[in-house]
Amino acid sequence: MEKLIIQIEASSDFFDGFAVNCEGVSGGGNNIEACKANILEGLRLLKESRPKIHWPEILRGDYEIEYRYDVQSILSYYASVFTKPALERLTGINQKQLHHYATGLKKPREPQRKKIELALHRLGSELMSVHFV
């Protein structure tokens, strides 16, 4: 199965998304959910408006969508879920620096980006192993 890779990036008041491996697939919105919905609507319209022979190759067969985020978009997206102190505990990065990343004032270098990514993956793994009795 192919992967349609969608990169989502944040600006100060908008989220943009585009396929990195399929020309002509893009969208945007005021938040990540709206951006994703706009991209899916664009895919639907693309398929409805063209014969399958004129679809990009990746869309002709089975594919799954993989979303990739820049640090600013993921931190601003989860700002209502994670407090800055909680993110500091998870990542080991101080709150002021996290705020700079979330607002786009600064871009994290690769080691900081990896630190945030690994911390979120660890949390996700822990949550996936939770079972209630």
C-alpha atoms as a PDB file:
ATOM      1  CA  MET A   1       0.000   0.000   0.000  1.00  0.00           C
ATOM      2  CA  GLU A   2       1.285   3.456  -0.930  1.00  0.00           C
ATOM      3  CA  LYS A   3       1.529   6.394   1.485  1.00  0.00           C
ATOM      4  CA  LEU A   4       0.234   9.804   0.564  1.00  0.00           C
ATOM      5  CA  ILE A   5       2.387  12.038   2.758  1.00  0.00           C
ATOM      6  CA  ILE A   6       0.742  15.280   3.823  1.00  0.00           C
ATOM      7  CA  GLN A   7       2.935  17.954   5.419  1.00  0.00           C
ATOM      8  CA  ILE A   8       1.035  20.323   7.728  1.00  0.00           C
ATOM      9  CA  GLU A   9       2.601  23.621   8.696  1.00  0.00           C
ATOM     10  CA  ALA A  10       1.399  26.481  10.864  1.00  0.00           C
ATOM     11  CA  SER A  11       1.585  30.205  10.384  1.00  0.00           C
ATOM     12  CA  SER A  12       0.445  32.739  12.960  1.00  0.00           C
ATOM     13  CA  ASP A  13      -3.264  32.183  12.217  1.00  0.00           C
ATOM     14  CA  PHE A  14      -3.617  29.431   9.611  1.00  0.00           C
ATOM     15  CA  PHE A  15      -2.630  25.841   8.866  1.00  0.00           C
ATOM     16  CA  ASP A  16      -1.485  24.781   5.391  1.00  0.00           C
ATOM     17  CA  GLY A  17      -1.200  21.222   4.174  1.00  0.00           C
ATOM     18  CA  PHE A  18       0.228  19.763   0.987  1.00  0.00           C
ATOM     19  CA  ALA A  19       1.207  16.368  -0.340  1.00  0.00           C
ATOM     20  CA  VAL A  20       4.958  16.027  -0.591  1.00  0.00           C
ATOM     21  CA  ASN A  21       4.700  13.078  -2.970  1.00  0.00           C
ATOM     22  CA  CYS A  22       1.648  13.960  -5.086  1.00  0.00           C
ATOM     23  CA  GLU A  23       1.312  17.131  -7.108  1.00  0.00           C
ATOM     24  CA  GLY A  24      -1.919  19.093  -6.810  1.00  0.00           C
ATOM     25  CA  VAL A  25      -3.026  17.958  -3.357  1.00  0.00           C
ATOM     26  CA  SER A  26      -3.246  20.781  -0.827  1.00  0.00           C
ATOM     27  CA  GLY A  27      -5.574  22.510   1.592  1.00  0.00           C
ATOM     28  CA  GLY A  28      -5.774  24.805   4.546  1.00  0.00           C
ATOM     29  CA  GLY A  29      -7.834  25.900   7.491  1.00  0.00           C
ATOM     30  CA  ASN A  30      -7.981  27.791  10.774  1.00  0.00           C
ATOM     31  CA  ASN A  31      -6.983  24.640  12.675  1.00  0.00           C
ATOM     32  CA  ILE A  32      -5.544  21.232  11.890  1.00  0.00           C
ATOM     33  CA  GLU A  33      -8.943  19.523  11.701  1.00  0.00           C
ATOM     34  CA  ALA A  34     -10.154  22.102   9.166  1.00  0.00           C
ATOM     35  CA  CYS A  35      -6.929  21.751   7.182  1.00  0.00           C
ATOM     36  CA  LYS A  36      -7.252  17.951   7.041  1.00  0.00           C
ATOM     37  CA  ALA A  37     -10.934  18.183   6.082  1.00  0.00           C
ATOM     38  CA  ASN A  38     -10.078  20.654   3.312  1.00  0.00           C
ATOM     39  CA  ILE A  39      -7.389  18.331   1.949  1.00  0.00           C
ATOM     40  CA  LEU A  40      -9.777  15.355   1.967  1.00  0.00           C
ATOM     41  CA  GLU A  41     -12.432  17.456   0.227  1.00  0.00           C
ATOM     42  CA  GLY A  42      -9.856  18.448  -2.386  1.00  0.00           C
ATOM     43  CA  LEU A  43      -8.987  14.788  -2.956  1.00  0.00           C
ATOM     44  CA  ARG A  44     -12.676  13.946  -3.355  1.00  0.00           C
ATOM     45  CA  LEU A  45     -13.191  16.769  -5.859  1.00  0.00           C
ATOM     46  CA  LEU A  46     -10.057  15.822  -7.791  1.00  0.00           C
ATOM     47  CA  LYS A  47     -11.342  12.255  -8.174  1.00  0.00           C
ATOM     48  CA  GLU A  48     -14.856  13.369  -9.107  1.00  0.00           C
ATOM     49  CA  SER A  49     -13.721  15.904 -11.699  1.00  0.00           C
ATOM     50  CA  ARG A  50     -11.262  13.740 -13.646  1.00  0.00           C
ATOM     51  CA  PRO A  51     -11.301  10.291 -15.154  1.00  0.00           C
ATOM     52  CA  LYS A  52      -9.156   7.854 -13.168  1.00  0.00           C
ATOM     53  CA  ILE A  53      -6.569   7.749 -15.956  1.00  0.00           C
ATOM     54  CA  HIS A  54      -5.806  11.430 -15.215  1.00  0.00           C
ATOM     55  CA  TRP A  55      -5.446  11.016 -11.449  1.00  0.00           C
ATOM     56  CA  PRO A  56      -1.933  11.188 -10.000  1.00  0.00           C
ATOM     57  CA  GLU A  57      -0.458   7.675 -10.004  1.00  0.00           C
ATOM     58  CA  ILE A  58      -0.440   7.296  -6.204  1.00  0.00           C
ATOM     59  CA  LEU A  59      -4.210   7.934  -6.033  1.00  0.00           C
ATOM     60  CA  ARG A  60      -5.088   5.200  -8.533  1.00  0.00           C
ATOM     61  CA  GLY A  61      -4.344   2.309  -6.178  1.00  0.00           C
ATOM     62  CA  ASP A  62      -4.658   1.663  -2.475  1.00  0.00           C
ATOM     63  CA  TYR A  63      -3.045   4.320  -0.321  1.00  0.00           C
ATOM     64  CA  GLU A  64      -3.070   5.564   3.216  1.00  0.00           C
ATOM     65  CA  ILE A  65      -2.540   9.120   4.374  1.00  0.00           C
ATOM     66  CA  GLU A  66       0.358   9.931   6.661  1.00  0.00           C
ATOM     67  CA  TYR A  67       0.357  13.380   8.237  1.00  0.00           C
ATOM     68  CA  ARG A  68       3.637  15.070   9.102  1.00  0.00           C
ATOM     69  CA  TYR A  69       3.793  18.213  11.174  1.00  0.00           C
ATOM     70  CA  ASP A  70       6.241  20.982  11.833  1.00  0.00           C
ATOM     71  CA  VAL A  71       6.922  21.618  15.529  1.00  0.00           C
ATOM     72  CA  GLN A  72       4.960  24.872  15.582  1.00  0.00           C
ATOM     73  CA  SER A  73       1.788  23.257  14.238  1.00  0.00           C
ATOM     74  CA  ILE A  74       1.823  20.258  16.587  1.00  0.00           C
ATOM     75  CA  LEU A  75       2.551  22.373  19.674  1.00  0.00           C
ATOM     76  CA  SER A  76      -0.142  24.905  18.845  1.00  0.00           C
ATOM     77  CA  TYR A  77      -2.584  22.094  17.956  1.00  0.00           C
ATOM     78  CA  TYR A  78      -2.134  20.432  21.344  1.00  0.00           C
ATOM     79  CA  ALA A  79      -1.864  23.682  23.337  1.00  0.00           C
ATOM     80  CA  SER A  80      -5.302  23.043  24.856  1.00  0.00           C
ATOM     81  CA  VAL A  81      -4.308  19.493  25.836  1.00  0.00           C
ATOM     82  CA  PHE A  82      -0.765  19.941  27.158  1.00  0.00           C
ATOM     83  CA  THR A  83       0.224  22.749  29.477  1.00  0.00           C
ATOM     84  CA  LYS A  84       3.714  24.186  29.092  1.00  0.00           C
ATOM     85  CA  PRO A  85       4.767  22.654  32.459  1.00  0.00           C
ATOM     86  CA  ALA A  86       3.525  19.244  31.269  1.00  0.00           C
ATOM     87  CA  LEU A  87       5.439  19.568  27.999  1.00  0.00           C
ATOM     88  CA  GLU A  88       8.529  20.631  29.920  1.00  0.00           C
ATOM     89  CA  ARG A  89       8.271  17.491  32.082  1.00  0.00           C
ATOM     90  CA  LEU A  90       7.763  15.296  29.013  1.00  0.00           C
ATOM     91  CA  THR A  91      10.501  16.792  26.848  1.00  0.00           C
ATOM     92  CA  GLY A  92      13.019  18.304  29.255  1.00  0.00           C
ATOM     93  CA  ILE A  93      12.809  21.566  27.266  1.00  0.00           C
ATOM     94  CA  ASN A  94      12.027  24.694  29.285  1.00  0.00           C
ATOM     95  CA  GLN A  95       8.623  26.341  28.948  1.00  0.00           C
ATOM     96  CA  LYS A  96       9.896  29.598  27.491  1.00  0.00           C
ATOM     97  CA  GLN A  97      11.667  27.746  24.690  1.00  0.00           C
ATOM     98  CA  LEU A  98       8.559  25.628  24.017  1.00  0.00           C
ATOM     99  CA  HIS A  99       6.506  28.825  23.810  1.00  0.00           C
ATOM    100  CA  HIS A 100       8.940  30.227  21.227  1.00  0.00           C
ATOM    101  CA  TYR A 101       8.564  27.042  19.165  1.00  0.00           C
ATOM    102  CA  ALA A 102       4.744  27.011  19.461  1.00  0.00           C
ATOM    103  CA  THR A 103       4.401  30.628  18.356  1.00  0.00           C
ATOM    104  CA  GLY A 104       6.946  30.379  15.566  1.00  0.00           C
ATOM    105  CA  LEU A 105       9.324  32.907  17.129  1.00  0.00           C
ATOM    106  CA  LYS A 106      12.054  30.297  16.910  1.00  0.00           C
ATOM    107  CA  LYS A 107      12.505  27.062  15.025  1.00  0.00           C
ATOM    108  CA  PRO A 108      13.975  24.127  16.943  1.00  0.00           C
ATOM    109  CA  ARG A 109      17.225  22.599  15.790  1.00  0.00           C
ATOM    110  CA  GLU A 110      17.201  18.910  14.883  1.00  0.00           C
ATOM    111  CA  PRO A 111      18.145  17.596  18.380  1.00  0.00           C
ATOM    112  CA  GLN A 112      15.340  19.615  20.008  1.00  0.00           C
ATOM    113  CA  ARG A 113      12.869  18.514  17.341  1.00  0.00           C
ATOM    114  CA  LYS A 114      13.793  14.871  17.946  1.00  0.00           C
ATOM    115  CA  LYS A 115      13.496  15.356  21.710  1.00  0.00           C
ATOM    116  CA  ILE A 116       9.910  16.611  21.323  1.00  0.00           C
ATOM    117  CA  GLU A 117       9.019  13.882  18.844  1.00  0.00           C
ATOM    118  CA  LEU A 118      10.432  11.079  21.023  1.00  0.00           C
ATOM    119  CA  ALA A 119       8.697  12.425  24.138  1.00  0.00           C
ATOM    120  CA  LEU A 120       5.323  12.471  22.356  1.00  0.00           C
ATOM    121  CA  HIS A 121       5.903   8.964  20.956  1.00  0.00           C
ATOM    122  CA  ARG A 122       6.787   7.673  24.438  1.00  0.00           C
ATOM    123  CA  LEU A 123       3.603   9.172  25.847  1.00  0.00           C
ATOM    124  CA  GLY A 124       1.561   7.698  23.009  1.00  0.00           C
ATOM    125  CA  SER A 125       3.073   4.250  23.599  1.00  0.00           C
ATOM    126  CA  GLU A 126       2.297   4.460  27.297  1.00  0.00           C
ATOM    127  CA  LEU A 127      -1.287   5.483  26.586  1.00  0.00           C
ATOM    128  CA  MET A 128      -1.707   2.673  24.049  1.00  0.00           C
ATOM    129  CA  SER A 129      -0.847   0.152  26.753  1.00  0.00           C
ATOM    130  CA  VAL A 130      -3.516   1.427  29.160  1.00  0.00           C
ATOM    131  CA  HIS A 131      -6.433  -0.971  29.794  1.00  0.00           C
ATOM    132  CA  PHE A 132      -9.296  -0.391  32.195  1.00  0.00           C
ATOM    133  CA  VAL A 133     -10.774  -3.078  34.409  1.00  0.00           C
END
